[in-house]
Amino acid sequence: MAKTVMVVDDSASLRQVVSIALRGAGYDVIEGCDGVDALSKLTGQKVHLVISDVNMPNMDGITFVKKLKQMAAYKFTPVIMLTTESQESKKQEGQAAGAKAWVVKPFLPTQMLAAVSKLVMA
């Protein structure tokens, strides 16, 4: 059975690029356009990994990760932050919220898929 990855980004084109790469590697993908939208789509189904932007309207990625980690079903779901932010303070804030990896845009799909395959557990 395919592993499910949620992609959360306010950029439709970026969601599309990430989704195409993931689907090409055999993953199922759920998309969210911001933290609020993403949380509304998490209804207890198994999600093996979340990839989230940091800077989004309505609910930013750090707040989204904090809320995700408060949900029992997603407490241990690994999160990759995919963002233009590269400051150490932002990375530490993301890590404190529960993010496991930090990938800076622009990125290579192969680089992102390598991070995904390391974090997706059986």
C-alpha atoms as a PDB file:
ATOM      1  CA  MET A   1       0.000   0.000   0.000  1.00  0.00           C
ATOM      2  CA  ALA A   2       1.306   3.469  -0.890  1.00  0.00           C
ATOM      3  CA  LYS A   3       2.494   5.799   1.862  1.00  0.00           C
ATOM      4  CA  THR A   4       0.599   9.089   2.192  1.00  0.00           C
ATOM      5  CA  VAL A   5       2.349  12.472   2.281  1.00  0.00           C
ATOM      6  CA  MET A   6       0.597  15.794   2.971  1.00  0.00           C
ATOM      7  CA  VAL A   7       1.958  18.855   1.151  1.00  0.00           C
ATOM      8  CA  VAL A   8       1.040  22.246   2.663  1.00  0.00           C
ATOM      9  CA  ASP A   9       2.011  25.389   0.740  1.00  0.00           C
ATOM     10  CA  ASP A  10       0.164  28.519  -0.344  1.00  0.00           C
ATOM     11  CA  SER A  11       1.875  28.320  -3.763  1.00  0.00           C
ATOM     12  CA  ALA A  12      -0.210  26.106  -6.073  1.00  0.00           C
ATOM     13  CA  SER A  13       2.723  25.700  -8.469  1.00  0.00           C
ATOM     14  CA  LEU A  14       5.033  24.542  -5.681  1.00  0.00           C
ATOM     15  CA  ARG A  15       2.422  22.084  -4.388  1.00  0.00           C
ATOM     16  CA  GLN A  16       2.131  20.771  -7.931  1.00  0.00           C
ATOM     17  CA  VAL A  17       5.915  20.301  -8.358  1.00  0.00           C
ATOM     18  CA  VAL A  18       6.216  18.512  -5.005  1.00  0.00           C
ATOM     19  CA  SER A  19       3.103  16.396  -5.640  1.00  0.00           C
ATOM     20  CA  ILE A  20       4.299  15.302  -9.091  1.00  0.00           C
ATOM     21  CA  ALA A  21       7.675  14.259  -7.645  1.00  0.00           C
ATOM     22  CA  LEU A  22       6.015  12.358  -4.777  1.00  0.00           C
ATOM     23  CA  ARG A  23       3.421  10.632  -6.962  1.00  0.00           C
ATOM     24  CA  GLY A  24       6.190   9.711  -9.403  1.00  0.00           C
ATOM     25  CA  ALA A  25       7.989   8.018  -6.488  1.00  0.00           C
ATOM     26  CA  GLY A  26       4.831   6.063  -5.595  1.00  0.00           C
ATOM     27  CA  TYR A  27       3.378   8.152  -2.760  1.00  0.00           C
ATOM     28  CA  ASP A  28      -0.252   9.201  -2.303  1.00  0.00           C
ATOM     29  CA  VAL A  29      -0.549  12.965  -1.780  1.00  0.00           C
ATOM     30  CA  ILE A  30      -2.983  15.177   0.147  1.00  0.00           C
ATOM     31  CA  GLU A  31      -2.630  18.914  -0.527  1.00  0.00           C
ATOM     32  CA  GLY A  32      -3.392  21.870   1.722  1.00  0.00           C
ATOM     33  CA  CYS A  33      -3.113  25.556   0.720  1.00  0.00           C
ATOM     34  CA  ASP A  34      -2.352  26.745   4.290  1.00  0.00           C
ATOM     35  CA  GLY A  35      -2.333  25.461   7.863  1.00  0.00           C
ATOM     36  CA  VAL A  36      -6.077  25.927   8.371  1.00  0.00           C
ATOM     37  CA  ASP A  37      -6.925  24.054   5.146  1.00  0.00           C
ATOM     38  CA  ALA A  38      -4.436  21.278   5.965  1.00  0.00           C
ATOM     39  CA  LEU A  39      -5.813  20.741   9.485  1.00  0.00           C
ATOM     40  CA  SER A  40      -9.352  20.516   8.069  1.00  0.00           C
ATOM     41  CA  LYS A  41      -8.208  17.671   5.780  1.00  0.00           C
ATOM     42  CA  LEU A  42      -6.607  15.670   8.611  1.00  0.00           C
ATOM     43  CA  THR A  43      -9.481  13.507   9.760  1.00  0.00           C
ATOM     44  CA  GLY A  44      -7.580  10.726  11.497  1.00  0.00           C
ATOM     45  CA  GLN A  45      -6.393   8.936   8.343  1.00  0.00           C
ATOM     46  CA  LYS A  46      -2.798   7.664   8.358  1.00  0.00           C
ATOM     47  CA  VAL A  47      -0.383  10.287   7.050  1.00  0.00           C
ATOM     48  CA  HIS A  48       3.214   9.057   6.943  1.00  0.00           C
ATOM     49  CA  LEU A  49       4.840  12.479   6.465  1.00  0.00           C
ATOM     50  CA  VAL A  50       3.962  16.178   6.203  1.00  0.00           C
ATOM     51  CA  ILE A  51       5.862  18.678   4.041  1.00  0.00           C
ATOM     52  CA  SER A  52       4.978  22.253   4.996  1.00  0.00           C
ATOM     53  CA  ASP A  53       5.965  25.765   3.978  1.00  0.00           C
ATOM     54  CA  VAL A  54       6.680  28.245   6.794  1.00  0.00           C
ATOM     55  CA  ASN A  55       5.265  31.509   5.415  1.00  0.00           C
ATOM     56  CA  MET A  56       1.572  31.100   4.561  1.00  0.00           C
ATOM     57  CA  PRO A  57      -1.596  33.171   5.067  1.00  0.00           C
ATOM     58  CA  ASN A  58      -4.267  32.206   7.663  1.00  0.00           C
ATOM     59  CA  MET A  59      -1.899  29.915   9.592  1.00  0.00           C
ATOM     60  CA  ASP A  60       1.862  29.769   9.155  1.00  0.00           C
ATOM     61  CA  GLY A  61       3.794  26.505   9.028  1.00  0.00           C
ATOM     62  CA  ILE A  62       5.254  26.692  12.546  1.00  0.00           C
ATOM     63  CA  THR A  63       1.782  27.180  14.086  1.00  0.00           C
ATOM     64  CA  PHE A  64       0.431  24.389  11.851  1.00  0.00           C
ATOM     65  CA  VAL A  65       3.130  21.968  13.065  1.00  0.00           C
ATOM     66  CA  LYS A  66       2.409  22.850  16.710  1.00  0.00           C
ATOM     67  CA  LYS A  67      -1.323  22.171  16.181  1.00  0.00           C
ATOM     68  CA  LEU A  68      -0.576  18.986  14.206  1.00  0.00           C
ATOM     69  CA  LYS A  69       1.571  17.647  17.057  1.00  0.00           C
ATOM     70  CA  GLN A  70      -1.297  18.279  19.514  1.00  0.00           C
ATOM     71  CA  MET A  71      -3.512  15.861  17.552  1.00  0.00           C
ATOM     72  CA  ALA A  72      -3.157  12.315  18.906  1.00  0.00           C
ATOM     73  CA  ALA A  73      -3.252  10.708  15.440  1.00  0.00           C
ATOM     74  CA  TYR A  74      -0.364  12.901  14.189  1.00  0.00           C
ATOM     75  CA  LYS A  75       1.768  13.333  17.297  1.00  0.00           C
ATOM     76  CA  PHE A  76       4.561  11.190  15.824  1.00  0.00           C
ATOM     77  CA  THR A  77       4.121  12.123  12.139  1.00  0.00           C
ATOM     78  CA  PRO A  78       7.452  13.436  10.811  1.00  0.00           C
ATOM     79  CA  VAL A  79       7.429  16.947   9.298  1.00  0.00           C
ATOM     80  CA  ILE A  80       9.740  18.489   6.698  1.00  0.00           C
ATOM     81  CA  MET A  81       9.681  22.279   6.479  1.00  0.00           C
ATOM     82  CA  LEU A  82      10.125  23.323   2.836  1.00  0.00           C
ATOM     83  CA  THR A  83      10.750  27.057   2.850  1.00  0.00           C
ATOM     84  CA  THR A  84      12.750  30.067   1.690  1.00  0.00           C
ATOM     85  CA  GLU A  85      13.664  30.700   5.341  1.00  0.00           C
ATOM     86  CA  SER A  86      17.266  29.782   6.132  1.00  0.00           C
ATOM     87  CA  GLN A  87      17.928  31.658   9.399  1.00  0.00           C
ATOM     88  CA  GLU A  88      19.090  29.471  12.264  1.00  0.00           C
ATOM     89  CA  SER A  89      16.472  31.025  14.597  1.00  0.00           C
ATOM     90  CA  LYS A  90      13.630  29.961  12.271  1.00  0.00           C
ATOM     91  CA  LYS A  91      15.094  26.444  11.985  1.00  0.00           C
ATOM     92  CA  GLN A  92      15.250  26.195  15.791  1.00  0.00           C
ATOM     93  CA  GLU A  93      11.666  27.448  16.050  1.00  0.00           C
ATOM     94  CA  GLY A  94      10.597  24.775  13.537  1.00  0.00           C
ATOM     95  CA  GLN A  95      12.532  22.086  15.364  1.00  0.00           C
ATOM     96  CA  ALA A  96      10.996  23.140  18.689  1.00  0.00           C
ATOM     97  CA  ALA A  97       7.537  22.871  17.084  1.00  0.00           C
ATOM     98  CA  GLY A  98       8.327  19.320  15.952  1.00  0.00           C
ATOM     99  CA  ALA A  99       9.837  19.555  12.456  1.00  0.00           C
ATOM    100  CA  LYS A 100      12.378  16.797  11.701  1.00  0.00           C
ATOM    101  CA  ALA A 101      14.010  18.334   8.606  1.00  0.00           C
ATOM    102  CA  TRP A 102      14.441  21.721   6.939  1.00  0.00           C
ATOM    103  CA  VAL A 103      14.729  21.993   3.137  1.00  0.00           C
ATOM    104  CA  VAL A 104      15.407  25.443   1.674  1.00  0.00           C
ATOM    105  CA  LYS A 105      13.792  26.537  -1.604  1.00  0.00           C
ATOM    106  CA  PRO A 106      14.778  26.374  -4.387  1.00  0.00           C
ATOM    107  CA  PHE A 107      15.321  22.635  -4.015  1.00  0.00           C
ATOM    108  CA  LEU A 108      15.908  19.671  -6.279  1.00  0.00           C
ATOM    109  CA  PRO A 109      13.079  17.114  -6.282  1.00  0.00           C
ATOM    110  CA  THR A 110      15.703  14.375  -5.789  1.00  0.00           C
ATOM    111  CA  GLN A 111      16.964  16.175  -2.656  1.00  0.00           C
ATOM    112  CA  MET A 112      13.419  16.379  -1.289  1.00  0.00           C
ATOM    113  CA  LEU A 113      12.646  12.732  -2.140  1.00  0.00           C
ATOM    114  CA  ALA A 114      15.824  11.633  -0.343  1.00  0.00           C
ATOM    115  CA  ALA A 115      14.655  13.462   2.807  1.00  0.00           C
ATOM    116  CA  VAL A 116      11.159  11.972   2.423  1.00  0.00           C
ATOM    117  CA  SER A 117      12.415   8.396   2.066  1.00  0.00           C
ATOM    118  CA  LYS A 118      14.587   8.799   5.193  1.00  0.00           C
ATOM    119  CA  LEU A 119      11.633   9.974   7.285  1.00  0.00           C
ATOM    120  CA  VAL A 120       8.761   7.816   6.010  1.00  0.00           C
ATOM    121  CA  MET A 121       8.488   4.852   8.324  1.00  0.00           C
ATOM    122  CA  ALA A 122       6.971   1.527   7.392  1.00  0.00           C
END
